Amino acid sequence: MPIYLLNDKLSFPPVEGAEDGIVAIGGDLTPERLLLAYHNGIFPWYSEEEPIIWHAPEERFILFPNELHISRSMKRVLNAACFSVSFDTDFAFIINQCASIDRKEQDGTWITPDMIQAYTTLHHLGYAHSVEVWKEGEIVGGVYGVSIGKCFFAESMFHTETNASKFALIKLVEFLKSRNFLFLDAQVYTEHVATLGAKEIPRSEFMLLLNEGLNGVSSIGSWNAKL
């Protein structure tokens, strides 16, 4: 089946027609299109030399707040109080660190300058959020993503201190649970997030959850002010 090419019209084809998880190619990263994509279970993921590629994998990697698993070693980290956490304190730093940090499993980054600009705009609009992990006055880890209704779509994370990104995810999931969020969408499988209790579910099941979560009241605006 041919891949759908987007034009200036603000629309996406049904995710059921995705070819190897790719729904469409092209379009733009305006806030309107990005929000529409998330409302339809779609996210952008591409390299700098490629056109924008929109994905909806057949298996979606989900962490339900009630199923958060904290290992004994992470409980020791939490109890040691060597890290502290904040929300929406420095979104720009977090997304730029996620873009620039070296990753063993990746050659380069998919967080292009256009992506940074697009998600920073979503942050200013109150939809994109960051979690900062601090140690001795410096940010040593974090995560950012998009919140719509009672759904959180985690985009990327980084750490410069061991366990700092896991700490960020745990604190994020605890925050989401306290606000009755249905799930954190980690998109595709990673062992790092799997250790916290995330699991793959069929796309059809994810779409039902998504529709339920979108009916919840959105928490638009800075989360820093809501802590």
Protein backbone atom coordinates (compact mmCIF):
# COMPACT_ATOMS: atom_id res chain seq x y z
CA MET A 1 0.00 0.00 0.00
CA PRO A 2 1.49 3.44 -0.95
CA ILE A 3 2.48 5.87 1.79
CA TYR A 4 0.13 8.85 2.14
CA LEU A 5 1.71 12.20 1.22
CA LEU A 6 0.44 15.13 3.25
CA ASN A 7 -0.36 18.50 1.71
CA ASP A 8 -1.47 21.84 3.18
CA LYS A 9 -4.79 20.34 4.27
CA LEU A 10 -4.87 19.76 8.04
CA SER A 11 -5.67 16.04 8.12
CA PHE A 12 -4.21 12.55 8.53
CA PRO A 13 -5.29 9.23 7.05
CA PRO A 14 -6.57 6.50 9.43
CA VAL A 15 -3.80 4.79 11.39
CA GLU A 16 -5.16 1.38 10.34
CA GLY A 17 -3.65 1.99 6.90
CA ALA A 18 -0.11 2.48 8.26
CA GLU A 19 2.62 0.68 6.32
CA ASP A 20 5.21 -0.72 8.75
CA GLY A 21 3.91 1.82 11.26
CA ILE A 22 4.27 4.79 8.89
CA VAL A 23 1.00 6.70 8.44
CA ALA A 24 2.14 9.56 6.23
CA ILE A 25 5.06 11.65 5.01
CA GLY A 26 5.37 15.41 4.63
CA GLY A 27 3.31 18.23 6.04
CA ASP A 28 4.66 20.52 8.72
CA LEU A 29 5.23 20.82 12.46
CA THR A 30 2.74 23.57 13.25
CA PRO A 31 1.05 23.30 16.65
CA GLU A 32 -2.26 22.57 14.95
CA ARG A 33 -0.88 19.62 12.99
CA LEU A 34 1.12 18.25 15.92
CA LEU A 35 -1.90 18.33 18.23
CA LEU A 36 -4.06 16.74 15.56
CA ALA A 37 -1.47 14.01 15.16
CA TYR A 38 -1.46 13.19 18.87
CA HIS A 39 -5.27 13.23 18.92
CA ASN A 40 -5.11 10.53 16.23
CA GLY A 41 -2.42 8.37 17.82
CA ILE A 42 0.33 9.61 15.50
CA PHE A 43 3.74 11.14 16.22
CA PRO A 44 6.61 12.52 14.08
CA TRP A 45 9.92 10.67 14.03
CA TYR A 46 12.54 11.27 11.37
CA SER A 47 16.16 12.29 10.80
CA GLU A 48 17.34 15.72 9.72
CA GLU A 49 18.02 14.66 6.13
CA GLU A 50 14.55 13.09 5.76
CA PRO A 51 11.07 14.55 5.19
CA ILE A 52 8.74 14.52 8.19
CA ILE A 53 7.63 10.93 8.81
CA TRP A 54 4.46 10.31 10.85
CA HIS A 55 4.22 7.05 12.81
CA ALA A 56 1.57 4.90 14.49
CA PRO A 57 3.22 1.55 15.33
CA GLU A 58 1.22 -1.66 15.38
CA GLU A 59 2.38 -2.17 18.97
CA ARG A 60 2.36 0.78 21.34
CA PHE A 61 4.59 0.90 24.42
CA ILE A 62 2.49 2.08 27.37
CA LEU A 63 3.09 2.65 31.07
CA PHE A 64 -0.05 2.70 33.19
CA PRO A 65 0.49 4.83 36.34
CA ASN A 66 -1.03 2.11 38.57
CA GLU A 67 1.48 -0.41 37.19
CA LEU A 68 4.63 1.61 37.88
CA HIS A 69 7.35 -0.77 39.06
CA ILE A 70 10.14 0.61 41.23
CA SER A 71 13.03 -1.79 41.74
CA ARG A 72 14.83 -2.17 45.05
CA SER A 73 17.83 -0.32 43.67
CA MET A 74 15.66 2.60 42.53
CA LYS A 75 13.90 2.68 45.90
CA ARG A 76 17.31 3.14 47.46
CA VAL A 77 18.00 6.01 45.04
CA LEU A 78 14.66 7.63 45.90
CA ASN A 79 15.26 7.23 49.64
CA ALA A 80 18.81 8.58 49.41
CA ALA A 81 17.46 12.01 48.40
CA CYS A 82 20.50 12.72 46.24
CA PHE A 83 18.22 14.03 43.48
CA SER A 84 15.44 16.62 43.50
CA VAL A 85 12.84 17.24 40.80
CA SER A 86 11.04 20.16 39.18
CA PHE A 87 8.52 20.53 36.36
CA ASP A 88 8.57 23.06 33.52
CA THR A 89 11.50 24.94 35.02
CA ASP A 90 13.80 24.75 32.00
CA PHE A 91 12.12 23.11 29.00
CA ALA A 92 14.68 24.55 26.58
CA PHE A 93 17.57 22.96 28.43
CA ILE A 94 15.88 19.55 28.62
CA ILE A 95 14.94 19.31 24.94
CA ASN A 96 18.35 20.54 23.81
CA GLN A 97 20.09 18.02 26.07
CA CYS A 98 17.88 15.25 24.70
CA ALA A 99 18.90 16.32 21.20
CA SER A 100 22.64 16.55 21.85
CA ILE A 101 23.37 13.75 24.33
CA ASP A 102 25.37 10.83 22.94
CA ARG A 103 23.42 7.55 22.83
CA LYS A 104 25.05 4.17 22.26
CA GLU A 105 22.06 2.83 20.34
CA GLN A 106 21.76 5.83 17.99
CA ASP A 107 23.86 7.47 15.30
CA GLY A 108 22.84 11.12 15.43
CA THR A 109 19.52 12.48 16.66
CA TRP A 110 15.93 12.65 15.46
CA ILE A 111 15.35 15.82 17.52
CA THR A 112 16.12 18.27 14.72
CA PRO A 113 16.20 22.06 15.10
CA ASP A 114 12.72 22.17 13.56
CA MET A 115 11.49 19.66 16.15
CA ILE A 116 13.03 21.70 18.96
CA GLN A 117 11.29 24.83 17.72
CA ALA A 118 7.96 23.02 17.26
CA TYR A 119 7.88 21.45 20.72
CA THR A 120 9.11 24.64 22.35
CA THR A 121 6.09 26.35 20.79
CA LEU A 122 3.86 23.61 22.22
CA HIS A 123 5.49 24.25 25.60
CA HIS A 124 4.69 27.96 25.41
CA LEU A 125 1.10 27.01 24.54
CA GLY A 126 0.92 24.82 27.65
CA TYR A 127 0.86 21.38 26.00
CA ALA A 128 4.51 20.27 26.17
CA HIS A 129 6.16 19.78 29.55
CA SER A 130 9.55 18.99 30.99
CA VAL A 131 10.77 17.23 34.11
CA GLU A 132 14.13 18.32 35.48
CA VAL A 133 16.27 16.23 37.83
CA TRP A 134 18.73 18.21 39.91
CA LYS A 135 21.90 17.33 41.81
CA GLU A 136 24.00 19.91 43.61
CA GLY A 137 22.36 22.77 41.74
CA GLU A 138 22.73 21.30 38.24
CA ILE A 139 20.27 19.50 35.96
CA VAL A 140 21.58 15.96 35.51
CA GLY A 141 18.60 14.31 33.83
CA GLY A 142 15.11 14.86 32.55
CA VAL A 143 12.30 14.02 30.19
CA TYR A 144 9.90 15.99 28.02
CA GLY A 145 6.62 15.20 26.31
CA VAL A 146 3.12 16.30 25.40
CA SER A 147 0.01 16.29 27.57
CA ILE A 148 -3.51 16.22 26.11
CA GLY A 149 -6.58 15.31 28.14
CA LYS A 150 -5.54 12.52 30.50
CA CYS A 151 -2.81 11.22 28.15
CA PHE A 152 0.91 11.91 28.34
CA PHE A 153 3.12 11.26 25.32
CA ALA A 154 6.76 10.95 26.41
CA GLU A 155 9.12 12.08 23.67
CA SER A 156 12.68 11.77 24.94
CA MET A 157 14.86 11.69 28.04
CA PHE A 158 18.51 12.06 28.98
CA HIS A 159 20.84 11.68 31.92
CA THR A 160 24.39 12.64 32.81
CA GLU A 161 24.18 10.90 36.20
CA THR A 162 23.30 7.22 36.62
CA ASN A 163 19.58 6.69 37.34
CA ALA A 164 18.66 10.35 36.79
CA SER A 165 16.38 9.65 33.81
CA LYS A 166 14.64 6.81 35.66
CA PHE A 167 14.19 9.16 38.59
CA ALA A 168 12.59 11.69 36.22
CA LEU A 169 10.21 9.08 34.80
CA ILE A 170 9.20 7.81 38.24
CA LYS A 171 8.44 11.33 39.47
CA LEU A 172 6.55 12.07 36.24
CA VAL A 173 4.41 8.93 36.52
CA GLU A 174 3.68 9.67 40.18
CA PHE A 175 2.57 13.16 39.14
CA LEU A 176 0.38 11.72 36.36
CA LYS A 177 -1.18 9.24 38.77
CA SER A 178 -2.05 12.03 41.21
CA ARG A 179 -3.84 13.83 38.32
CA ASN A 180 -5.72 10.67 37.20
CA PHE A 181 -3.93 10.31 33.87
CA LEU A 182 -4.74 7.07 32.04
CA PHE A 183 -1.29 6.33 30.63
CA LEU A 184 2.17 7.45 29.64
CA ASP A 185 2.85 6.62 26.00
CA ALA A 186 6.50 5.71 25.46
CA GLN A 187 5.72 4.96 21.80
CA VAL A 188 8.17 2.12 21.06
CA TYR A 189 9.85 -0.48 23.25
CA THR A 190 12.96 0.38 25.23
CA GLU A 191 14.45 -1.81 27.94
CA HIS A 192 15.03 1.29 30.07
CA VAL A 193 11.29 2.05 30.34
CA ALA A 194 10.30 -1.63 30.42
CA THR A 195 12.03 -1.97 33.79
CA LEU A 196 9.52 0.53 35.17
CA GLY A 197 6.54 -1.59 34.14
CA ALA A 198 5.75 -0.41 30.62
CA LYS A 199 4.32 -2.96 28.18
CA GLU A 200 3.35 -3.24 24.54
CA ILE A 201 -0.33 -3.23 23.60
CA PRO A 202 -1.96 -3.54 20.16
CA ARG A 203 -2.59 -0.32 18.28
CA SER A 204 -6.33 -1.02 18.28
CA GLU A 205 -6.32 -1.21 22.09
CA PHE A 206 -4.21 1.93 22.31
CA MET A 207 -6.68 3.86 20.13
CA LEU A 208 -9.54 2.94 22.48
CA LEU A 209 -7.50 4.12 25.47
CA LEU A 210 -6.55 7.27 23.61
CA ASN A 211 -10.16 8.15 22.85
CA GLU A 212 -11.05 7.62 26.51
CA GLY A 213 -8.14 9.75 27.70
CA LEU A 214 -8.88 12.59 25.30
CA ASN A 215 -12.29 12.97 26.91
CA GLY A 216 -10.58 13.94 30.17
CA VAL A 217 -10.04 17.55 31.17
CA SER A 218 -6.70 18.85 29.87
CA SER A 219 -4.21 20.39 32.25
CA ILE A 220 -3.04 23.14 29.91
CA GLY A 221 -0.44 25.57 31.16
CA SER A 222 2.72 25.35 33.26
CA TRP A 223 2.88 22.33 35.54
CA ASN A 224 5.34 24.23 37.70
CA ALA A 225 2.45 26.34 38.92
CA LYS A 226 0.34 23.25 39.67
CA LEU A 227 2.77 21.41 41.97
